[in-house]
Amino acid sequence: MKGILEKVNENITAIIGVLKGTTMLTPVIQNIATELLRGALPQNWEKMWDGPMNPSTWLRSLTKKGTSLIEWVNRVKQGALLRSPVVLSDLIHPETFLNAFRQRSAR
């Protein structure tokens, strides 16, 4: 999850830098900016997570999931993760969590 958030932040920061004139335009950044201007989800982002196809909705969902994961981490630190319902839709890839849980339970 952190990798996805960092990469998207990096891309948006680069686009802002190009607009401000402080960063060089690269083909990757140009493609991402062009796709966003067309209202399409950049392919680079879509490869990281198969979420909604609308860029605004995708970013809102990603942000919500990131915030939820921070809450998960805080609950783990307090030893309270399982004291309230665990919502798997908070995860980017719930199947990864379920596989890890299955492996842990099998031991």
PDB file of N, CA and C in Angstrom:
ATOM      1  N   MET A   1       0.823  -1.189   0.000  1.00  0.00           N
ATOM      2  CA  MET A   1       0.000   0.000   0.000  1.00  0.00           C
ATOM      3  C   MET A   1       0.861   1.244   0.000  1.00  0.00           C
ATOM      4  N   LYS A   2       1.843   1.244   0.872  1.00  0.00           N
ATOM      5  CA  LYS A   2       2.702   2.418   0.973  1.00  0.00           C
ATOM      6  C   LYS A   2       3.358   2.712  -0.368  1.00  0.00           C
ATOM      7  N   GLY A   3       3.739   1.674  -1.086  1.00  0.00           N
ATOM      8  CA  GLY A   3       4.375   1.864  -2.386  1.00  0.00           C
ATOM      9  C   GLY A   3       3.457   2.552  -3.378  1.00  0.00           C
ATOM     10  N   ILE A   4       2.190   2.184  -3.362  1.00  0.00           N
ATOM     11  CA  ILE A   4       1.223   2.801  -4.275  1.00  0.00           C
ATOM     12  C   ILE A   4       1.045   4.273  -3.920  1.00  0.00           C
ATOM     13  N   LEU A   5       0.854   4.550  -2.646  1.00  0.00           N
ATOM     14  CA  LEU A   5       0.676   5.940  -2.214  1.00  0.00           C
ATOM     15  C   LEU A   5       1.899   6.789  -2.548  1.00  0.00           C
ATOM     16  N   GLU A   6       3.071   6.233  -2.306  1.00  0.00           N
ATOM     17  CA  GLU A   6       4.301   6.972  -2.602  1.00  0.00           C
ATOM     18  C   GLU A   6       4.437   7.238  -4.097  1.00  0.00           C
ATOM     19  N   LYS A   7       4.140   6.242  -4.912  1.00  0.00           N
ATOM     20  CA  LYS A   7       4.291   6.397  -6.362  1.00  0.00           C
ATOM     21  C   LYS A   7       3.312   7.432  -6.903  1.00  0.00           C
ATOM     22  N   VAL A   8       2.052   7.370  -6.474  1.00  0.00           N
ATOM     23  CA  VAL A   8       1.054   8.335  -6.933  1.00  0.00           C
ATOM     24  C   VAL A   8       1.435   9.739  -6.471  1.00  0.00           C
ATOM     25  N   ASN A   9       1.864   9.868  -5.221  1.00  0.00           N
ATOM     26  CA  ASN A   9       2.308  11.167  -4.708  1.00  0.00           C
ATOM     27  C   ASN A   9       3.497  11.694  -5.514  1.00  0.00           C
ATOM     28  N   GLU A  10       4.427  10.807  -5.820  1.00  0.00           N
ATOM     29  CA  GLU A  10       5.599  11.171  -6.625  1.00  0.00           C
ATOM     30  C   GLU A  10       5.163  11.703  -7.992  1.00  0.00           C
ATOM     31  N   ASN A  11       4.219  11.017  -8.632  1.00  0.00           N
ATOM     32  CA  ASN A  11       3.739  11.434  -9.953  1.00  0.00           C
ATOM     33  C   ASN A  11       3.043  12.788  -9.899  1.00  0.00           C
ATOM     34  N   ILE A  12       2.171  12.971  -8.923  1.00  0.00           N
ATOM     35  CA  ILE A  12       1.444  14.236  -8.809  1.00  0.00           C
ATOM     36  C   ILE A  12       2.395  15.382  -8.471  1.00  0.00           C
ATOM     37  N   THR A  13       3.365  15.109  -7.598  1.00  0.00           N
ATOM     38  CA  THR A  13       4.363  16.119  -7.257  1.00  0.00           C
ATOM     39  C   THR A  13       5.178  16.508  -8.483  1.00  0.00           C
ATOM     40  N   ALA A  14       5.512  15.535  -9.314  1.00  0.00           N
ATOM     41  CA  ALA A  14       6.271  15.812 -10.545  1.00  0.00           C
ATOM     42  C   ALA A  14       5.447  16.664 -11.511  1.00  0.00           C
ATOM     43  N   ILE A  15       4.163  16.366 -11.644  1.00  0.00           N
ATOM     44  CA  ILE A  15       3.293  17.160 -12.526  1.00  0.00           C
ATOM     45  C   ILE A  15       3.229  18.594 -12.024  1.00  0.00           C
ATOM     46  N   ILE A  16       3.070  18.764 -10.722  1.00  0.00           N
ATOM     47  CA  ILE A  16       3.037  20.119 -10.135  1.00  0.00           C
ATOM     48  C   ILE A  16       4.366  20.826 -10.388  1.00  0.00           C
ATOM     49  N   GLY A  17       5.471  20.099 -10.243  1.00  0.00           N
ATOM     50  CA  GLY A  17       6.790  20.682 -10.494  1.00  0.00           C
ATOM     51  C   GLY A  17       6.940  21.148 -11.931  1.00  0.00           C
ATOM     52  N   VAL A  18       6.428  20.370 -12.874  1.00  0.00           N
ATOM     53  CA  VAL A  18       6.486  20.764 -14.287  1.00  0.00           C
ATOM     54  C   VAL A  18       5.662  22.028 -14.500  1.00  0.00           C
ATOM     55  N   LEU A  19       4.477  22.066 -13.904  1.00  0.00           N
ATOM     56  CA  LEU A  19       3.622  23.247 -14.057  1.00  0.00           C
ATOM     57  C   LEU A  19       4.251  24.503 -13.449  1.00  0.00           C
ATOM     58  N   LYS A  20       4.985  24.313 -12.353  1.00  0.00           N
ATOM     59  CA  LYS A  20       5.662  25.453 -11.712  1.00  0.00           C
ATOM     60  C   LYS A  20       6.969  25.806 -12.415  1.00  0.00           C
ATOM     61  N   GLY A  21       7.456  24.906 -13.260  1.00  0.00           N
ATOM     62  CA  GLY A  21       8.709  25.142 -13.955  1.00  0.00           C
ATOM     63  C   GLY A  21       9.934  24.752 -13.158  1.00  0.00           C
ATOM     64  N   THR A  22       9.753  23.923 -12.127  1.00  0.00           N
ATOM     65  CA  THR A  22      10.887  23.522 -11.295  1.00  0.00           C
ATOM     66  C   THR A  22      11.362  22.095 -11.594  1.00  0.00           C
ATOM     67  N   THR A  23      10.618  21.377 -12.431  1.00  0.00           N
ATOM     68  CA  THR A  23      10.948  19.990 -12.760  1.00  0.00           C
ATOM     69  C   THR A  23      10.886  19.813 -14.269  1.00  0.00           C
ATOM     70  N   MET A  24      11.761  18.955 -14.771  1.00  0.00           N
ATOM     71  CA  MET A  24      11.759  18.666 -16.206  1.00  0.00           C
ATOM     72  C   MET A  24      10.616  17.713 -16.548  1.00  0.00           C
ATOM     73  N   LEU A  25      10.034  17.930 -17.707  1.00  0.00           N
ATOM     74  CA  LEU A  25       8.975  17.047 -18.187  1.00  0.00           C
ATOM     75  C   LEU A  25       9.603  15.786 -18.778  1.00  0.00           C
ATOM     76  N   THR A  26       9.179  14.639 -18.275  1.00  0.00           N
ATOM     77  CA  THR A  26       9.649  13.362 -18.797  1.00  0.00           C
ATOM     78  C   THR A  26       8.496  12.712 -19.565  1.00  0.00           C
ATOM     79  N   PRO A  27       8.799  11.770 -20.436  1.00  0.00           N
ATOM     80  CA  PRO A  27       7.716  11.092 -21.161  1.00  0.00           C
ATOM     81  C   PRO A  27       6.713  10.406 -20.224  1.00  0.00           C
ATOM     82  N   VAL A  28       7.191   9.843 -19.135  1.00  0.00           N
ATOM     83  CA  VAL A  28       6.290   9.166 -18.188  1.00  0.00           C
ATOM     84  C   VAL A  28       5.323  10.170 -17.568  1.00  0.00           C
ATOM     85  N   ILE A  29       5.856  11.279 -17.094  1.00  0.00           N
ATOM     86  CA  ILE A  29       5.013  12.304 -16.471  1.00  0.00           C
ATOM     87  C   ILE A  29       4.065  12.907 -17.503  1.00  0.00           C
ATOM     88  N   GLN A  30       4.535  13.097 -18.721  1.00  0.00           N
ATOM     89  CA  GLN A  30       3.674  13.632 -19.778  1.00  0.00           C
ATOM     90  C   GLN A  30       2.509  12.681 -20.049  1.00  0.00           C
ATOM     91  N   ASN A  31       2.787  11.372 -20.103  1.00  0.00           N
ATOM     92  CA  ASN A  31       1.722  10.391 -20.347  1.00  0.00           C
ATOM     93  C   ASN A  31       0.700  10.386 -19.213  1.00  0.00           C
ATOM     94  N   ILE A  32       1.186  10.437 -17.980  1.00  0.00           N
ATOM     95  CA  ILE A  32       0.271  10.438 -16.830  1.00  0.00           C
ATOM     96  C   ILE A  32      -0.593  11.693 -16.851  1.00  0.00           C
ATOM     97  N   ALA A  33       0.024  12.840 -17.067  1.00  0.00           N
ATOM     98  CA  ALA A  33      -0.721  14.105 -17.091  1.00  0.00           C
ATOM     99  C   ALA A  33      -1.731  14.120 -18.243  1.00  0.00           C
ATOM    100  N   THR A  34      -1.340  13.619 -19.393  1.00  0.00           N
ATOM    101  CA  THR A  34      -2.242  13.581 -20.553  1.00  0.00           C
ATOM    102  C   THR A  34      -3.444  12.698 -20.276  1.00  0.00           C
ATOM    103  N   GLU A  35      -3.205  11.532 -19.691  1.00  0.00           N
ATOM    104  CA  GLU A  35      -4.310  10.629 -19.372  1.00  0.00           C
ATOM    105  C   GLU A  35      -5.252  11.265 -18.348  1.00  0.00           C
ATOM    106  N   LEU A  36      -4.695  11.925 -17.333  1.00  0.00           N
ATOM    107  CA  LEU A  36      -5.527  12.593 -16.341  1.00  0.00           C
ATOM    108  C   LEU A  36      -6.349  13.715 -16.968  1.00  0.00           C
ATOM    109  N   LEU A  37      -5.741  14.479 -17.863  1.00  0.00           N
ATOM    110  CA  LEU A  37      -6.468  15.559 -18.533  1.00  0.00           C
ATOM    111  C   LEU A  37      -7.607  15.020 -19.388  1.00  0.00           C
ATOM    112  N   ARG A  38      -7.448  13.833 -19.921  1.00  0.00           N
ATOM    113  CA  ARG A  38      -8.507  13.200 -20.720  1.00  0.00           C
ATOM    114  C   ARG A  38      -9.582  12.570 -19.844  1.00  0.00           C
ATOM    115  N   GLY A  39      -9.348  12.565 -18.534  1.00  0.00           N
ATOM    116  CA  GLY A  39     -10.307  11.951 -17.623  1.00  0.00           C
ATOM    117  C   GLY A  39     -10.145  10.451 -17.522  1.00  0.00           C
ATOM    118  N   ALA A  40      -8.978   9.963 -17.928  1.00  0.00           N
ATOM    119  CA  ALA A  40      -8.703   8.525 -17.879  1.00  0.00           C
ATOM    120  C   ALA A  40      -7.734   8.224 -16.746  1.00  0.00           C
ATOM    121  N   LEU A  41      -7.827   7.025 -16.241  1.00  0.00           N
ATOM    122  CA  LEU A  41      -6.910   6.577 -15.197  1.00  0.00           C
ATOM    123  C   LEU A  41      -5.579   6.198 -15.846  1.00  0.00           C
ATOM    124  N   PRO A  42      -4.463   6.784 -15.395  1.00  0.00           N
ATOM    125  CA  PRO A  42      -3.162   6.436 -15.970  1.00  0.00           C
ATOM    126  C   PRO A  42      -2.894   4.930 -15.857  1.00  0.00           C
ATOM    127  N   GLN A  43      -2.376   4.357 -16.927  1.00  0.00           N
ATOM    128  CA  GLN A  43      -2.100   2.917 -16.953  1.00  0.00           C
ATOM    129  C   GLN A  43      -1.138   2.513 -15.849  1.00  0.00           C
ATOM    130  N   ASN A  44      -0.152   3.367 -15.561  1.00  0.00           N
ATOM    131  CA  ASN A  44       0.805   3.067 -14.488  1.00  0.00           C
ATOM    132  C   ASN A  44       0.088   2.860 -13.158  1.00  0.00           C
ATOM    133  N   TRP A  45      -0.925   3.657 -12.903  1.00  0.00           N
ATOM    134  CA  TRP A  45      -1.669   3.561 -11.661  1.00  0.00           C
ATOM    135  C   TRP A  45      -2.585   2.342 -11.683  1.00  0.00           C
ATOM    136  N   GLU A  46      -3.216   2.119 -12.821  1.00  0.00           N
ATOM    137  CA  GLU A  46      -4.144   0.994 -12.942  1.00  0.00           C
ATOM    138  C   GLU A  46      -3.433  -0.343 -12.713  1.00  0.00           C
ATOM    139  N   LYS A  47      -2.173  -0.428 -13.117  1.00  0.00           N
ATOM    140  CA  LYS A  47      -1.396  -1.655 -12.919  1.00  0.00           C
ATOM    141  C   LYS A  47      -1.139  -1.925 -11.436  1.00  0.00           C
ATOM    142  N   MET A  48      -1.065  -0.857 -10.636  1.00  0.00           N
ATOM    143  CA  MET A  48      -0.781  -1.012  -9.209  1.00  0.00           C
ATOM    144  C   MET A  48      -2.004  -1.472  -8.429  1.00  0.00           C
ATOM    145  N   TRP A  49      -3.198  -1.021  -8.867  1.00  0.00           N
ATOM    146  CA  TRP A  49      -4.420  -1.397  -8.164  1.00  0.00           C
ATOM    147  C   TRP A  49      -5.592  -1.285  -9.125  1.00  0.00           C
ATOM    148  N   ASP A  50      -6.343  -2.335  -9.235  1.00  0.00           N
ATOM    149  CA  ASP A  50      -7.489  -2.384 -10.126  1.00  0.00           C
ATOM    150  C   ASP A  50      -8.720  -1.837  -9.419  1.00  0.00           C
ATOM    151  N   GLY A  51      -8.758  -0.522  -9.274  1.00  0.00           N
ATOM    152  CA  GLY A  51      -9.871   0.149  -8.601  1.00  0.00           C
ATOM    153  C   GLY A  51     -10.798   0.781  -9.623  1.00  0.00           C
ATOM    154  N   PRO A  52     -11.537   1.807  -9.213  1.00  0.00           N
ATOM    155  CA  PRO A  52     -12.456   2.495 -10.128  1.00  0.00           C
ATOM    156  C   PRO A  52     -11.709   3.081 -11.325  1.00  0.00           C
ATOM    157  N   MET A  53     -12.387   3.197 -12.445  1.00  0.00           N
ATOM    158  CA  MET A  53     -11.738   3.703 -13.657  1.00  0.00           C
ATOM    159  C   MET A  53     -11.692   5.235 -13.725  1.00  0.00           C
ATOM    160  N   ASN A  54     -12.520   5.908 -12.949  1.00  0.00           N
ATOM    161  CA  ASN A  54     -12.506   7.363 -12.925  1.00  0.00           C
ATOM    162  C   ASN A  54     -11.348   7.814 -12.028  1.00  0.00           C
ATOM    163  N   PRO A  55     -10.446   8.673 -12.531  1.00  0.00           N
ATOM    164  CA  PRO A  55      -9.275   9.077 -11.731  1.00  0.00           C
ATOM    165  C   PRO A  55      -9.626   9.715 -10.387  1.00  0.00           C
ATOM    166  N   SER A  56     -10.646  10.555 -10.350  1.00  0.00           N
ATOM    167  CA  SER A  56     -11.030  11.203  -9.087  1.00  0.00           C
ATOM    168  C   SER A  56     -11.522  10.177  -8.083  1.00  0.00           C
ATOM    169  N   THR A  57     -12.356   9.264  -8.541  1.00  0.00           N
ATOM    170  CA  THR A  57     -12.882   8.216  -7.671  1.00  0.00           C
ATOM    171  C   THR A  57     -11.761   7.293  -7.218  1.00  0.00           C
ATOM    172  N   TRP A  58     -10.855   6.978  -8.129  1.00  0.00           N
ATOM    173  CA  TRP A  58      -9.713   6.113  -7.823  1.00  0.00           C
ATOM    174  C   TRP A  58      -8.864   6.748  -6.720  1.00  0.00           C
ATOM    175  N   LEU A  59      -8.562   8.038  -6.866  1.00  0.00           N
ATOM    176  CA  LEU A  59      -7.745   8.736  -5.869  1.00  0.00           C
ATOM    177  C   LEU A  59      -8.450   8.831  -4.520  1.00  0.00           C
ATOM    178  N   ARG A  60      -9.763   9.103  -4.541  1.00  0.00           N
ATOM    179  CA  ARG A  60     -10.520   9.151  -3.280  1.00  0.00           C
ATOM    180  C   ARG A  60     -10.512   7.786  -2.595  1.00  0.00           C
ATOM    181  N   SER A  61     -10.714   6.730  -3.374  1.00  0.00           N
ATOM    182  CA  SER A  61     -10.712   5.375  -2.807  1.00  0.00           C
ATOM    183  C   SER A  61      -9.343   5.021  -2.245  1.00  0.00           C
ATOM    184  N   LEU A  62      -8.302   5.360  -2.970  1.00  0.00           N
ATOM    185  CA  LEU A  62      -6.947   5.077  -2.514  1.00  0.00           C
ATOM    186  C   LEU A  62      -6.644   5.829  -1.220  1.00  0.00           C
ATOM    187  N   THR A  63      -7.040   7.081  -1.161  1.00  0.00           N
ATOM    188  CA  THR A  63      -6.832   7.888   0.041  1.00  0.00           C
ATOM    189  C   THR A  63      -7.593   7.303   1.228  1.00  0.00           C
ATOM    190  N   LYS A  64      -8.834   6.882   0.991  1.00  0.00           N
ATOM    191  CA  LYS A  64      -9.636   6.280   2.057  1.00  0.00           C
ATOM    192  C   LYS A  64      -8.988   4.992   2.560  1.00  0.00           C
ATOM    193  N   LYS A  65      -8.504   4.185   1.647  1.00  0.00           N
ATOM    194  CA  LYS A  65      -7.850   2.935   2.040  1.00  0.00           C
ATOM    195  C   LYS A  65      -6.554   3.221   2.808  1.00  0.00           C
ATOM    196  N   GLY A  66      -5.814   4.222   2.385  1.00  0.00           N
ATOM    197  CA  GLY A  66      -4.587   4.603   3.093  1.00  0.00           C
ATOM    198  C   GLY A  66      -4.879   5.062   4.512  1.00  0.00           C
ATOM    199  N   THR A  67      -5.916   5.874   4.666  1.00  0.00           N
ATOM    200  CA  THR A  67      -6.324   6.343   5.988  1.00  0.00           C
ATOM    201  C   THR A  67      -6.774   5.175   6.859  1.00  0.00           C
ATOM    202  N   SER A  68      -7.520   4.262   6.273  1.00  0.00           N
ATOM    203  CA  SER A  68      -7.987   3.086   7.010  1.00  0.00           C
ATOM    204  C   SER A  68      -6.818   2.229   7.468  1.00  0.00           C
ATOM    205  N   LEU A  69      -5.808   2.099   6.623  1.00  0.00           N
ATOM    206  CA  LEU A  69      -4.648   1.296   7.005  1.00  0.00           C
ATOM    207  C   LEU A  69      -3.859   1.933   8.143  1.00  0.00           C
ATOM    208  N   ILE A  70      -3.821   3.244   8.174  1.00  0.00           N
ATOM    209  CA  ILE A  70      -3.172   3.928   9.296  1.00  0.00           C
ATOM    210  C   ILE A  70      -3.920   3.602  10.588  1.00  0.00           C
ATOM    211  N   GLU A  71      -5.250   3.569  10.507  1.00  0.00           N
ATOM    212  CA  GLU A  71      -6.044   3.186  11.673  1.00  0.00           C
ATOM    213  C   GLU A  71      -5.747   1.738  12.081  1.00  0.00           C
ATOM    214  N   TRP A  72      -5.603   0.843  11.100  1.00  0.00           N
ATOM    215  CA  TRP A  72      -5.258  -0.558  11.384  1.00  0.00           C
ATOM    216  C   TRP A  72      -3.932  -0.618  12.138  1.00  0.00           C
ATOM    217  N   VAL A  73      -2.946   0.118  11.648  1.00  0.00           N
ATOM    218  CA  VAL A  73      -1.617   0.115  12.276  1.00  0.00           C
ATOM    219  C   VAL A  73      -1.721   0.600  13.721  1.00  0.00           C
ATOM    220  N   ASN A  74      -2.464   1.668  13.934  1.00  0.00           N
ATOM    221  CA  ASN A  74      -2.636   2.185  15.303  1.00  0.00           C
ATOM    222  C   ASN A  74      -3.316   1.157  16.201  1.00  0.00           C
ATOM    223  N   ARG A  75      -4.319   0.453  15.678  1.00  0.00           N
ATOM    224  CA  ARG A  75      -4.994  -0.584  16.456  1.00  0.00           C
ATOM    225  C   ARG A  75      -4.056  -1.749  16.759  1.00  0.00           C
ATOM    226  N   VAL A  76      -3.196  -2.098  15.797  1.00  0.00           N
ATOM    227  CA  VAL A  76      -2.222  -3.177  16.036  1.00  0.00           C
ATOM    228  C   VAL A  76      -1.260  -2.767  17.138  1.00  0.00           C
ATOM    229  N   LYS A  77      -0.765  -1.531  17.092  1.00  0.00           N
ATOM    230  CA  LYS A  77       0.168  -1.039  18.115  1.00  0.00           C
ATOM    231  C   LYS A  77      -0.459  -1.075  19.506  1.00  0.00           C
ATOM    232  N   GLN A  78      -1.762  -0.869  19.572  1.00  0.00           N
ATOM    233  CA  GLN A  78      -2.471  -0.897  20.859  1.00  0.00           C
ATOM    234  C   GLN A  78      -2.908  -2.314  21.230  1.00  0.00           C
ATOM    235  N   GLY A  79      -2.644  -3.274  20.341  1.00  0.00           N
ATOM    236  CA  GLY A  79      -3.065  -4.648  20.580  1.00  0.00           C
ATOM    237  C   GLY A  79      -4.575  -4.811  20.502  1.00  0.00           C
ATOM    238  N   ALA A  80      -5.200  -3.969  19.689  1.00  0.00           N
ATOM    239  CA  ALA A  80      -6.660  -3.944  19.651  1.00  0.00           C
ATOM    240  C   ALA A  80      -7.222  -4.155  18.248  1.00  0.00           C
ATOM    241  N   LEU A  81      -6.466  -4.749  17.354  1.00  0.00           N
ATOM    242  CA  LEU A  81      -6.943  -4.892  15.973  1.00  0.00           C
ATOM    243  C   LEU A  81      -8.249  -5.669  15.905  1.00  0.00           C
ATOM    244  N   LEU A  82      -8.337  -6.752  16.640  1.00  0.00           N
ATOM    245  CA  LEU A  82      -9.513  -7.616  16.537  1.00  0.00           C
ATOM    246  C   LEU A  82     -10.614  -7.299  17.550  1.00  0.00           C
ATOM    247  N   ARG A  83     -10.490  -6.200  18.251  1.00  0.00           N
ATOM    248  CA  ARG A  83     -11.531  -5.811  19.215  1.00  0.00           C
ATOM    249  C   ARG A  83     -12.745  -5.195  18.535  1.00  0.00           C
ATOM    250  N   SER A  84     -12.566  -4.783  17.308  1.00  0.00           N
ATOM    251  CA  SER A  84     -13.690  -4.278  16.519  1.00  0.00           C
ATOM    252  C   SER A  84     -13.621  -4.970  15.155  1.00  0.00           C
ATOM    253  N   PRO A  85     -14.689  -4.912  14.394  1.00  0.00           N
ATOM    254  CA  PRO A  85     -14.701  -5.618  13.104  1.00  0.00           C
ATOM    255  C   PRO A  85     -13.543  -5.184  12.195  1.00  0.00           C
ATOM    256  N   VAL A  86     -12.967  -6.174  11.530  1.00  0.00           N
ATOM    257  CA  VAL A  86     -11.914  -5.918  10.549  1.00  0.00           C
ATOM    258  C   VAL A  86     -12.594  -5.876   9.186  1.00  0.00           C
ATOM    259  N   VAL A  87     -12.545  -4.731   8.539  1.00  0.00           N
ATOM    260  CA  VAL A  87     -13.214  -4.542   7.252  1.00  0.00           C
ATOM    261  C   VAL A  87     -12.194  -4.786   6.142  1.00  0.00           C
ATOM    262  N   LEU A  88     -12.333  -5.897   5.445  1.00  0.00           N
ATOM    263  CA  LEU A  88     -11.359  -6.257   4.419  1.00  0.00           C
ATOM    264  C   LEU A  88     -11.383  -5.306   3.227  1.00  0.00           C
ATOM    265  N   SER A  89     -12.480  -4.594   3.030  1.00  0.00           N
ATOM    266  CA  SER A  89     -12.528  -3.637   1.921  1.00  0.00           C
ATOM    267  C   SER A  89     -11.627  -2.434   2.179  1.00  0.00           C
ATOM    268  N   ASP A  90     -11.085  -2.326   3.414  1.00  0.00           N
ATOM    269  CA  ASP A  90     -10.106  -1.272   3.710  1.00  0.00           C
ATOM    270  C   ASP A  90      -8.779  -1.548   3.014  1.00  0.00           C
ATOM    271  N   LEU A  91      -8.571  -2.779   2.590  1.00  0.00           N
ATOM    272  CA  LEU A  91      -7.296  -3.193   2.006  1.00  0.00           C
ATOM    273  C   LEU A  91      -7.294  -3.035   0.490  1.00  0.00           C
ATOM    274  N   ILE A  92      -6.123  -2.741  -0.050  1.00  0.00           N
ATOM    275  CA  ILE A  92      -5.960  -2.677  -1.503  1.00  0.00           C
ATOM    276  C   ILE A  92      -6.064  -4.074  -2.092  1.00  0.00           C
ATOM    277  N   HIS A  93      -5.381  -5.020  -1.470  1.00  0.00           N
ATOM    278  CA  HIS A  93      -5.386  -6.407  -1.934  1.00  0.00           C
ATOM    279  C   HIS A  93      -5.786  -7.318  -0.778  1.00  0.00           C
ATOM    280  N   PRO A  94      -7.081  -7.440  -0.501  1.00  0.00           N
ATOM    281  CA  PRO A  94      -7.511  -8.268   0.625  1.00  0.00           C
ATOM    282  C   PRO A  94      -7.099  -9.730   0.482  1.00  0.00           C
ATOM    283  N   GLU A  95      -6.946 -10.193  -0.749  1.00  0.00           N
ATOM    284  CA  GLU A  95      -6.540 -11.592  -0.964  1.00  0.00           C
ATOM    285  C   GLU A  95      -5.153 -11.864  -0.382  1.00  0.00           C
ATOM    286  N   THR A  96      -4.282 -10.877  -0.380  1.00  0.00           N
ATOM    287  CA  THR A  96      -2.953 -11.041   0.214  1.00  0.00           C
ATOM    288  C   THR A  96      -3.071 -11.225   1.720  1.00  0.00           C
ATOM    289  N   PHE A  97      -3.909 -10.413   2.339  1.00  0.00           N
ATOM    290  CA  PHE A  97      -4.148 -10.543   3.773  1.00  0.00           C
ATOM    291  C   PHE A  97      -4.730 -11.916   4.099  1.00  0.00           C
ATOM    292  N   LEU A  98      -5.724 -12.343   3.319  1.00  0.00           N
ATOM    293  CA  LEU A  98      -6.362 -13.635   3.573  1.00  0.00           C
ATOM    294  C   LEU A  98      -5.384 -14.795   3.390  1.00  0.00           C
ATOM    295  N   ASN A  99      -4.517 -14.715   2.393  1.00  0.00           N
ATOM    296  CA  ASN A  99      -3.502 -15.766   2.195  1.00  0.00           C
ATOM    297  C   ASN A  99      -2.532 -15.819   3.377  1.00  0.00           C
ATOM    298  N   ALA A 100      -2.091 -14.661   3.841  1.00  0.00           N
ATOM    299  CA  ALA A 100      -1.182 -14.618   4.989  1.00  0.00           C
ATOM    300  C   ALA A 100      -1.877 -15.154   6.240  1.00  0.00           C
ATOM    301  N   PHE A 101      -3.139 -14.783   6.409  1.00  0.00           N
ATOM    302  CA  PHE A 101      -3.909 -15.274   7.559  1.00  0.00           C
ATOM    303  C   PHE A 101      -4.080 -16.786   7.482  1.00  0.00           C
ATOM    304  N   ARG A 102      -4.358 -17.293   6.291  1.00  0.00           N
ATOM    305  CA  ARG A 102      -4.509 -18.730   6.100  1.00  0.00           C
ATOM    306  C   ARG A 102      -3.219 -19.464   6.425  1.00  0.00           C
ATOM    307  N   GLN A 103      -2.088 -18.938   5.941  1.00  0.00           N
ATOM    308  CA  GLN A 103      -0.796 -19.563   6.219  1.00  0.00           C
ATOM    309  C   GLN A 103      -0.485 -19.538   7.713  1.00  0.00           C
ATOM    310  N   ARG A 104      -0.759 -18.418   8.343  1.00  0.00           N
ATOM    311  CA  ARG A 104      -0.497 -18.290   9.781  1.00  0.00           C
ATOM    312  C   ARG A 104      -1.372 -19.263  10.579  1.00  0.00           C
ATOM    313  N   SER A 105      -2.614 -19.361  10.176  1.00  0.00           N
ATOM    314  CA  SER A 105      -3.535 -20.264  10.873  1.00  0.00           C
ATOM    315  C   SER A 105      -3.150 -21.722  10.690  1.00  0.00           C
ATOM    316  N   ALA A 106      -2.587 -22.062   9.560  1.00  0.00           N
ATOM    317  CA  ALA A 106      -2.195 -23.447   9.286  1.00  0.00           C
ATOM    318  C   ALA A 106      -1.016 -23.866  10.157  1.00  0.00           C
ATOM    319  N   ARG A 107      -0.228 -22.926  10.594  1.00  0.00           N
ATOM    320  CA  ARG A 107       0.937 -23.238  11.435  1.00  0.00           C
ATOM    321  C   ARG A 107       0.476 -23.517  12.823  1.00  0.00           C
TER     322      ARG A 107
END
